[in-house]
Protein backbone atom coordinates (compact mmCIF):
# COMPACT_ATOMS: atom_id res chain seq x y z
CA MET A 1 -0.29 -0.08 -0.36
CA ASP A 2 1.24 3.26 -0.89
CA ASP A 3 1.67 5.71 2.24
CA LEU A 4 -0.58 7.92 0.91
CA THR A 5 -3.26 5.50 0.59
CA ARG A 6 -2.23 4.19 4.22
CA ASP A 7 -2.47 7.68 5.74
CA TYR A 8 -6.02 8.62 3.70
CA THR A 9 -7.94 5.50 5.10
CA ALA A 10 -6.34 5.71 8.26
CA GLY A 11 -9.67 5.68 11.09
CA VAL A 12 -9.79 7.14 14.38
CA ASP A 13 -10.45 4.26 16.31
CA ARG A 14 -6.96 4.04 18.47
CA ASP A 15 -8.80 4.89 21.82
CA LEU A 16 -11.67 2.28 21.23
CA TYR A 17 -9.25 -0.59 22.42
CA GLU A 18 -11.68 -1.17 26.00
CA HIS A 19 -14.90 -1.60 23.25
CA ASP A 20 -12.64 -3.76 20.58
CA ILE A 21 -10.91 -5.65 23.41
CA ALA A 22 -14.42 -6.58 25.16
CA GLY A 23 -16.07 -7.52 21.80
CA SER A 24 -13.25 -9.78 21.14
CA LEU A 25 -13.41 -11.52 24.65
CA ALA A 26 -16.97 -12.05 24.54
CA HIS A 27 -17.14 -13.31 20.92
CA ALA A 28 -13.63 -15.58 21.88
CA ARG A 29 -15.49 -17.30 25.27
CA MET A 30 -18.39 -18.13 22.85
CA LEU A 31 -16.32 -19.87 20.17
CA GLY A 32 -14.71 -21.87 22.87
CA ALA A 33 -18.40 -22.65 24.64
CA THR A 34 -19.75 -23.76 21.30
CA GLY A 35 -16.99 -25.79 20.21
CA ILE A 36 -16.28 -23.89 17.43
CA ILE A 37 -12.56 -23.32 18.55
CA PRO A 38 -10.64 -25.93 20.92
CA GLU A 39 -11.52 -25.00 24.54
CA ALA A 40 -7.16 -24.26 25.09
CA ASP A 41 -7.10 -22.12 22.01
CA ALA A 42 -9.88 -19.95 23.39
CA ALA A 43 -8.41 -19.95 26.94
CA ALA A 44 -5.53 -18.36 25.35
CA ILE A 45 -7.13 -16.12 23.54
CA VAL A 46 -9.23 -14.52 26.41
CA SER A 47 -5.94 -14.36 28.94
CA GLY A 48 -4.01 -12.73 25.97
CA LEU A 49 -6.49 -10.38 25.28
CA GLY A 50 -6.18 -9.34 29.09
CA ARG A 51 -2.44 -8.97 28.78
CA VAL A 52 -2.98 -6.60 25.61
CA LEU A 53 -5.89 -4.45 27.53
CA GLU A 54 -3.29 -3.71 30.51
CA GLN A 55 -0.47 -2.76 27.49
CA PHE A 56 -3.19 -0.21 26.18
CA ARG A 57 -4.18 1.15 29.43
CA ALA A 58 -0.51 1.31 30.49
CA GLY A 59 0.27 3.34 27.43
CA GLN A 60 2.76 0.80 26.19
CA VAL A 61 1.54 -0.13 22.98
CA GLU A 62 2.68 2.00 19.88
CA TRP A 63 0.52 2.99 17.07
CA ARG A 64 1.53 1.21 13.87
CA PRO A 65 -0.30 3.15 10.88
CA GLU A 66 0.00 -0.04 8.64
CA LEU A 67 -1.75 -1.97 10.57
CA GLU A 68 -4.73 0.29 9.75
CA ASP A 69 -7.23 0.06 12.78
CA ILE A 70 -7.73 -0.44 16.53
CA HIS A 71 -8.74 -4.55 15.32
CA THR A 72 -5.49 -4.93 13.79
CA HIS A 73 -3.53 -3.84 16.46
CA VAL A 74 -5.04 -5.61 18.99
CA GLU A 75 -4.72 -9.07 16.79
CA VAL A 76 -1.37 -8.60 15.84
CA LEU A 77 -0.68 -7.64 19.71
CA LEU A 78 -2.22 -11.12 20.52
CA ARG A 79 -0.34 -13.01 18.16
CA GLU A 80 2.77 -11.82 19.77
CA ASP A 81 1.92 -12.75 23.23
CA ILE A 82 0.26 -15.96 22.27
CA GLY A 83 1.42 -17.00 19.15
CA ALA A 84 -0.55 -19.06 16.39
CA ALA A 85 -3.39 -19.75 18.64
CA ALA A 86 -4.19 -15.76 18.28
CA GLY A 87 -5.25 -16.54 14.24
CA ARG A 88 -8.74 -18.31 15.77
CA LEU A 89 -10.01 -15.10 16.96
CA HIS A 90 -11.51 -13.78 13.90
CA THR A 91 -13.61 -17.14 13.45
CA ALA A 92 -16.83 -16.69 12.45
CA ARG A 93 -16.59 -12.63 12.39
CA SER A 94 -15.86 -10.08 9.85
CA ARG A 95 -14.24 -6.47 10.01
CA ASN A 96 -17.84 -5.35 9.23
CA ASP A 97 -19.85 -6.66 11.93
CA GLN A 98 -17.09 -6.17 14.33
CA VAL A 99 -17.23 -2.31 13.31
CA SER A 100 -20.56 -2.02 14.10
CA LEU A 101 -20.16 -3.65 17.50
CA LEU A 102 -17.69 -1.63 18.50
CA ASN A 103 -19.92 1.52 17.22
CA ARG A 104 -22.91 0.05 18.76
CA MET A 105 -21.09 0.12 21.92
CA LEU A 106 -19.62 3.37 21.42
CA VAL A 107 -23.06 4.73 20.96
CA ARG A 108 -24.43 2.86 23.77
CA GLU A 109 -21.73 4.61 26.37
CA GLN A 110 -21.96 7.98 24.66
CA CYS A 111 -25.37 7.98 25.34
CA ASP A 112 -25.74 7.12 28.76
CA LEU A 113 -22.63 10.14 29.12
CA ALA A 114 -24.64 12.60 27.64
CA ALA A 115 -27.77 11.69 29.61
CA ALA A 116 -26.59 11.69 32.93
CA GLY A 117 -25.18 14.81 32.18
CA ALA A 118 -28.29 16.14 31.37
CA GLU A 119 -29.88 15.09 34.11
CA ALA A 120 -27.06 16.90 36.28
CA LEU A 121 -28.05 19.90 34.87
CA VAL A 122 -31.85 19.53 34.90
CA GLU A 123 -31.20 19.00 38.85
CA ALA A 124 -29.24 21.96 38.92
CA LEU A 125 -32.06 24.18 36.94
CA CYS A 126 -34.70 22.46 39.66
CA ASP A 127 -32.32 23.68 42.19
CA LEU A 128 -32.28 27.01 41.20
CA ALA A 129 -35.88 27.09 40.49
CA LEU A 130 -37.01 26.61 43.80
CA ALA A 131 -34.87 29.06 45.22
CA HIS A 132 -36.08 31.33 42.34
CA ALA A 133 -40.03 30.39 42.33
CA ALA A 134 -41.20 34.10 43.64
CA ASP A 135 -38.50 36.15 42.26
CA PRO A 136 -39.90 38.26 38.89
CA MET A 137 -38.42 38.70 35.88
CA PRO A 138 -39.60 39.69 32.48
CA GLY A 139 -40.51 37.44 29.91
CA TYR A 140 -40.04 38.03 26.56
CA THR A 141 -41.43 37.47 22.86
CA HIS A 142 -39.63 38.65 20.04
CA LEU A 143 -36.93 40.07 22.51
CA GLN A 144 -39.46 42.58 23.61
CA ARG A 145 -40.49 42.72 27.36
CA ALA A 146 -44.35 40.42 27.27
CA GLN A 147 -45.60 39.41 30.77
CA PRO A 148 -44.06 39.09 33.93
CA VAL A 149 -42.59 35.50 34.85
CA THR A 150 -40.28 34.22 37.63
CA LEU A 151 -37.07 33.40 37.20
CA GLY A 152 -37.64 30.24 38.79
CA HIS A 153 -40.46 29.65 35.73
CA HIS A 154 -37.86 30.69 33.20
CA LEU A 155 -34.99 28.29 34.13
CA LEU A 156 -37.79 25.35 34.02
CA ALA A 157 -38.56 26.19 30.35
CA TYR A 158 -34.96 24.86 30.21
CA GLY A 159 -35.27 21.91 32.30
CA GLU A 160 -37.63 20.53 30.51
CA MET A 161 -36.03 21.05 27.28
CA LEU A 162 -32.86 18.92 28.89
CA LEU A 163 -35.13 16.34 30.24
CA ARG A 164 -36.52 15.71 26.66
CA ASP A 165 -32.88 15.56 25.87
CA ARG A 166 -32.02 13.17 28.34
CA ASP A 167 -34.85 11.12 27.22
CA ARG A 168 -33.96 11.11 23.56
CA PHE A 169 -30.46 9.87 24.66
CA ARG A 170 -32.43 7.17 26.19
CA ASP A 171 -34.19 5.84 23.49
CA CYS A 172 -31.39 6.07 21.12
CA ARG A 173 -29.46 3.62 23.61
CA THR A 174 -32.29 1.26 23.38
CA ARG A 175 -32.32 1.03 19.87
CA ALA A 176 -28.52 0.95 19.54
CA ASN A 177 -28.08 -1.85 21.99
CA VAL A 178 -28.41 -4.51 19.56
CA LEU A 179 -25.59 -7.10 18.78
CA PRO A 180 -24.31 -7.19 14.97
CA LEU A 181 -21.67 -9.86 16.05
CA GLY A 182 -22.24 -12.91 14.10
CA SER A 183 -23.78 -11.22 10.74
CA GLY A 184 -20.38 -11.64 8.87
CA ALA A 185 -19.16 -9.75 6.08
CA LEU A 186 -22.96 -9.40 5.28
CA ALA A 187 -24.61 -12.52 4.72
CA GLY A 188 -24.01 -14.34 8.17
CA SER A 189 -22.16 -17.15 9.63
CA PRO A 190 -21.96 -21.07 8.40
CA TYR A 191 -20.80 -22.04 12.42
CA PRO A 192 -23.26 -22.76 15.00
CA LEU A 193 -22.73 -19.71 16.75
CA ASP A 194 -24.42 -18.58 20.21
CA ARG A 195 -25.01 -15.36 19.59
CA GLU A 196 -27.35 -14.82 22.98
CA MET A 197 -24.77 -15.99 24.47
CA VAL A 198 -22.61 -12.81 23.25
CA ALA A 199 -25.40 -10.56 23.52
CA ARG A 200 -25.43 -11.14 27.16
CA GLU A 201 -21.77 -11.02 28.17
CA LEU A 202 -21.73 -7.35 26.68
CA GLY A 203 -25.07 -6.44 27.70
CA PHE A 204 -27.18 -6.32 24.77
CA ASP A 205 -30.88 -6.43 24.70
CA ALA A 206 -31.17 -8.41 21.40
CA VAL A 207 -29.64 -9.57 18.37
CA SER A 208 -29.78 -8.45 15.07
CA ARG A 209 -32.25 -10.18 12.72
CA ASN A 210 -30.93 -9.14 9.26
CA SER A 211 -27.14 -9.71 8.55
CA LEU A 212 -27.37 -7.11 5.96
CA ASP A 213 -29.13 -4.55 7.76
CA ALA A 214 -26.83 -5.51 11.11
CA VAL A 215 -23.26 -4.61 8.81
CA ALA A 216 -24.65 -1.62 6.90
CA ASP A 217 -27.01 0.13 9.42
CA ARG A 218 -25.83 3.37 11.05
CA ASP A 219 -29.33 4.79 12.11
CA TYR A 220 -28.41 4.51 15.58
CA ALA A 221 -25.44 6.64 14.47
CA ILE A 222 -27.54 9.39 13.10
CA GLU A 223 -30.34 9.22 15.61
CA PHE A 224 -27.41 9.77 18.26
CA LEU A 225 -26.19 12.85 16.17
CA SER A 226 -29.66 13.85 16.23
CA CYS A 227 -29.90 13.64 19.76
CA CYS A 228 -26.71 15.51 20.25
CA ALA A 229 -27.67 18.25 17.56
CA ILE A 230 -31.01 19.07 19.66
CA ALA A 231 -29.15 19.29 23.33
CA GLN A 232 -26.56 21.31 21.82
CA ALA A 233 -29.16 23.90 20.22
CA HIS A 234 -31.08 23.77 23.77
CA LEU A 235 -27.84 24.92 25.48
CA SER A 236 -26.92 27.63 22.96
CA ARG A 237 -30.23 29.02 23.48
CA LEU A 238 -29.35 29.08 27.29
CA ALA A 239 -25.91 30.27 26.27
CA GLU A 240 -27.48 33.39 24.29
CA GLU A 241 -29.74 34.38 27.29
CA ILE A 242 -26.55 33.85 29.59
CA VAL A 243 -25.15 36.12 27.10
CA LEU A 244 -27.29 38.68 27.17
CA TRP A 245 -28.05 38.98 30.89
CA SER A 246 -24.73 39.09 31.83
CA SER A 247 -24.47 42.46 29.30
CA ALA A 248 -24.74 46.17 30.58
CA GLU A 249 -27.53 46.81 29.00
CA PHE A 250 -29.92 43.82 30.63
CA ALA A 251 -27.42 43.19 33.96
CA PHE A 252 -29.86 40.49 35.15
CA VAL A 253 -26.92 38.49 36.14
CA ARG A 254 -22.83 38.60 36.97
CA LEU A 255 -21.17 35.80 35.72
CA PRO A 256 -18.61 33.87 38.09
CA ASP A 257 -15.11 34.56 37.93
CA ALA A 258 -14.44 30.80 37.34
CA PHE A 259 -16.47 30.40 34.30
CA ALA A 260 -15.96 33.96 32.55
CA THR A 261 -12.75 35.64 31.39
CA GLY A 262 -10.93 38.85 31.02
CA SER A 263 -10.14 41.20 27.83
CA SER A 264 -6.77 41.57 26.97
CA MET A 265 -6.99 44.96 26.79
CA MET A 266 -10.23 46.02 28.35
CA PRO A 267 -9.37 45.68 31.95
CA GLN A 268 -13.09 45.82 33.08
CA LYS A 269 -14.50 43.44 30.88
CA LYS A 270 -15.65 40.29 31.82
CA ASN A 271 -16.58 37.65 28.84
CA ALA A 272 -19.03 35.26 28.93
CA ASP A 273 -16.78 32.80 27.12
CA VAL A 274 -17.88 29.46 28.42
CA ALA A 275 -21.78 30.54 26.92
CA GLU A 276 -19.92 31.86 23.87
CA LEU A 277 -18.24 28.70 22.84
CA ALA A 278 -21.36 26.48 23.41
CA ARG A 279 -23.34 28.62 21.32
CA GLY A 280 -20.37 28.78 18.94
CA ARG A 281 -19.81 25.17 18.86
CA SER A 282 -22.93 24.23 17.48
CA GLY A 283 -22.11 24.34 14.40
CA ARG A 284 -19.91 21.53 14.54
CA VAL A 285 -22.49 19.37 16.15
CA PHE A 286 -25.30 19.91 13.52
CA GLY A 287 -22.26 19.80 10.59
CA GLU A 288 -21.89 16.15 12.42
CA LEU A 289 -25.44 15.34 11.76
CA VAL A 290 -25.46 16.45 8.07
CA ASN A 291 -22.36 14.74 7.47
CA LEU A 292 -23.42 11.31 8.39
CA LEU A 293 -26.81 11.75 6.92
CA THR A 294 -25.27 12.67 3.48
CA ASN A 295 -22.48 10.25 4.09
CA LEU A 296 -25.31 7.43 3.97
CA LYS A 297 -27.54 8.42 1.62
CA GLY A 298 -26.13 7.02 -1.37
CA GLN A 299 -24.46 3.88 -0.49
CA PRO A 300 -25.86 0.68 -1.46
CA LEU A 301 -26.21 -2.68 0.72
CA ALA A 302 -23.98 -3.56 2.64
CA TYR A 303 -20.77 -2.52 3.91
CA ASN A 304 -19.12 0.69 2.13
CA ARG A 305 -15.71 2.37 3.22
CA ASP A 306 -17.56 5.52 3.45
CA LEU A 307 -19.04 3.97 6.81
CA GLN A 308 -15.52 4.57 8.34
CA GLU A 309 -16.67 8.02 8.76
CA ASP A 310 -19.04 7.66 11.26
CA LYS A 311 -16.49 6.95 14.04
CA ALA A 312 -15.32 10.94 13.94
CA ALA A 313 -18.86 11.98 13.57
CA ILE A 314 -19.57 10.42 16.67
CA LEU A 315 -16.88 11.21 18.65
CA ASN A 316 -16.77 14.53 17.17
CA ALA A 317 -19.98 15.46 18.25
CA ALA A 318 -19.80 13.81 21.65
CA ALA A 319 -16.19 15.73 22.18
CA VAL A 320 -18.54 18.93 22.33
CA VAL A 321 -22.34 17.76 23.79
CA VAL A 322 -20.80 15.91 26.97
CA PRO A 323 -18.15 18.36 28.33
CA SER A 324 -20.88 21.57 27.73
CA LEU A 325 -23.45 19.72 29.20
CA ARG A 326 -20.94 19.15 32.10
CA ILE A 327 -20.04 22.21 32.43
CA PHE A 328 -23.27 24.40 32.19
CA ALA A 329 -23.93 22.26 35.25
CA ALA A 330 -21.15 23.38 37.06
CA MET A 331 -21.86 27.35 35.84
CA VAL A 332 -25.49 27.48 36.05
CA PRO A 333 -25.66 27.15 39.88
CA ALA A 334 -23.01 29.88 40.26
CA LEU A 335 -24.93 32.51 38.06
CA GLU A 336 -25.32 35.49 40.18
CA PHE A 337 -28.80 37.01 39.63
CA ASP A 338 -29.42 40.90 40.16
CA LEU A 339 -33.11 40.19 41.67
CA PRO A 340 -34.36 44.03 42.29
CA ARG A 341 -32.84 45.26 38.77
CA MET A 342 -35.04 41.97 37.08
CA ARG A 343 -37.90 42.67 39.63
CA GLU A 344 -37.90 46.54 38.05
CA ALA A 345 -37.36 44.95 34.38
CA ALA A 346 -40.41 42.98 35.27
CA SER A 347 -42.79 45.59 35.63
CA GLY A 348 -41.44 47.66 32.92
CA GLY A 349 -42.34 48.15 29.49
CA PHE A 350 -46.29 48.36 29.58
CA ALA A 351 -45.45 44.00 30.62
CA LEU A 352 -48.71 44.63 32.68
CA ALA A 353 -51.07 45.44 29.81
CA THR A 354 -52.75 41.83 29.54
CA ASP A 355 -53.42 41.89 33.36
CA VAL A 356 -55.53 45.30 32.78
CA ALA A 357 -57.16 43.77 29.65
CA ASP A 358 -58.02 40.27 31.72
CA TYR A 359 -59.34 42.86 34.52
CA LEU A 360 -62.00 43.99 31.97
CA VAL A 361 -62.89 40.54 30.73
CA ARG A 362 -63.65 39.85 34.75
CA LYS A 363 -65.87 42.52 34.57
CA GLY A 364 -67.57 40.98 31.87
CA MET A 365 -65.99 42.91 28.51
CA PRO A 366 -65.39 40.88 25.58
CA PHE A 367 -61.64 40.46 25.27
CA ARG A 368 -60.83 42.26 22.04
CA GLU A 369 -62.88 45.30 23.41
CA ALA A 370 -60.99 44.93 26.48
CA HIS A 371 -57.74 44.93 24.36
CA ALA A 372 -58.64 47.80 22.26
CA VAL A 373 -59.22 49.92 25.76
CA THR A 374 -56.22 48.50 27.41
CA GLY A 375 -54.43 49.56 23.99
CA GLY A 376 -55.58 53.02 24.23
CA LEU A 377 -54.42 53.35 27.87
CA VAL A 378 -50.63 52.26 26.87
CA ARG A 379 -50.62 54.91 24.29
CA GLU A 380 -51.78 57.41 26.77
CA ALA A 381 -48.89 56.19 29.34
CA GLU A 382 -46.29 56.35 26.32
CA ASP A 383 -47.74 60.29 25.79
CA ARG A 384 -47.43 60.97 29.92
CA GLY A 385 -44.22 58.81 29.82
CA CYS A 386 -45.13 57.33 32.43
CA GLU A 387 -46.14 53.13 33.10
CA LEU A 388 -49.77 51.33 33.04
CA HIS A 389 -50.00 51.55 37.08
CA GLU A 390 -48.83 55.31 37.32
CA LEU A 391 -51.76 56.79 35.10
CA PRO A 392 -54.22 58.50 37.55
CA LEU A 393 -57.83 56.69 38.28
CA GLU A 394 -59.68 59.04 36.21
CA VAL A 395 -57.91 58.56 33.00
CA TYR A 396 -58.95 54.41 33.55
CA ALA A 397 -62.18 55.65 34.62
CA GLY A 398 -62.48 57.90 30.95
CA ALA A 399 -61.26 54.67 29.03
CA SER A 400 -64.40 52.08 30.83
CA ASP A 401 -66.63 52.67 33.62
CA LEU A 402 -65.82 49.40 34.32
CA PHE A 403 -62.64 50.51 35.90
CA GLU A 404 -62.61 51.03 40.04
CA PRO A 405 -59.64 51.40 41.80
CA ASP A 406 -58.66 48.01 42.64
CA VAL A 407 -57.47 48.25 39.24
CA LEU A 408 -54.60 50.28 40.63
CA ASP A 409 -53.11 47.37 43.02
CA ILE A 410 -52.44 45.92 39.97
CA ASP A 411 -48.47 44.76 40.13
CA VAL A 412 -45.89 42.17 38.91
CA ASP A 413 -46.82 39.94 41.98
CA SER A 414 -50.71 40.16 41.30
CA ALA A 415 -49.82 39.14 37.49
CA LEU A 416 -47.47 36.01 38.77
CA ALA A 417 -49.97 34.83 41.34
CA ALA A 418 -52.86 35.23 38.77
CA ARG A 419 -51.08 32.86 36.25
CA ASP A 420 -51.97 29.37 38.72
CA ALA A 421 -53.15 27.06 35.84
CA ILE A 422 -51.04 24.20 35.58
CA GLY A 423 -48.01 25.15 33.65
CA GLY A 424 -48.32 28.89 34.73
CA THR A 425 -45.70 31.04 36.22
CA ALA A 426 -47.57 31.36 39.54
CA PRO A 427 -44.33 30.54 42.50
CA ALA A 428 -46.67 28.06 43.65
CA ARG A 429 -46.95 26.61 40.15
CA VAL A 430 -43.45 26.69 39.66
CA ARG A 431 -42.58 25.08 43.24
CA GLU A 432 -44.93 22.29 42.21
CA ALA A 433 -43.34 22.53 38.30
CA ALA A 434 -39.91 21.69 39.74
CA GLU A 435 -40.93 19.01 42.22
CA ALA A 436 -42.07 17.08 39.42
CA LEU A 437 -38.81 17.49 37.07
CA ARG A 438 -37.18 16.12 39.79
CA ARG A 439 -39.07 13.36 40.15
CA GLU A 440 -39.07 12.79 36.21
CA VAL A 441 -35.42 13.31 36.46
CA GLY A 442 -34.75 10.44 39.43
CA ALA A 443 -37.26 7.99 37.61
């Protein structure tokens, strides 16, 4: 092989020796137990693989590009250790089903790590939501102040997103957890394999039913990348809000020093680098999803070398999402919120206009009419340069004879308390939702 070809076709699986050797151990034990190879050879292979594993763990293995991939490295090292018996290890398997096995074990592992990271972040958000269940802040649509919500309610919105992320990773793990080993190159195996034995040892829930599909399928990898893309999109939205909230224009939150950096020139600056990088790295994760979808769309059955690109996509996406989840779970509890400023902002920008309209509706006025009346009051307040609650009672009375003095009692806290339907921002509902979310995380 030309050196150019050797380097161009090299894989990225050198660090996946744990998965590869675990699969080989289970395969060797099954070969011995079924009599496909002599039990003495199977025992020697198992013993030798244990020593090869220790070499990898101790950093004693020199990577040899001419051996192409982790599978060949393991087999060569095994042969150096136990001799000719090592040649029996590849009985009844192909690199095609071996690669698929390694990939499924990798996706299964990364699903577990991502799900655990999402759970930790949800728990952190629940803790923070309970602490701020009654603290008001402005709610936004179109990045314009809309209605007051509580900080706890806002944070729990991300908790719900991330719980769905956790569940998606769990679901993906279920579909990935099917044993392909025993499918051979594409047509199955002529040997009396005990595939269920291998599945039990490696923790797989089922064995594949179609050998062609087993070696060609990468749906589980695409699904994992989709889960990663959605989770990173959620983190990016939260990151964007942290960037906005920490700006002088909002000044809702002070960044903890442990999760911010300074400017090389401007001594007053504290930059939300963690949030900005999480936002920026979203493109890398989205790109890997598109990468693998594009890779797969034109391939005929069964195995094609294009599929070698799957591991890089899986590892690259996981290398962004898992650390992002972990650092957000550490950063979010350390955010310092300026609660008085958030309360002040929650009552500004005519954020209580809908509550004034609802006041009229409760007095019997149709909502569309109440909407129009309140819109007129907003225009009057704009002209006077004041907020709605600062308008004199006679202005309200002139707009509708349904207004009484208690309209002036409408404030942020009453607006929050009124949203007491399930899913609302009333403090009692926020506490209820946080506890429910926490219970679901533990399920």
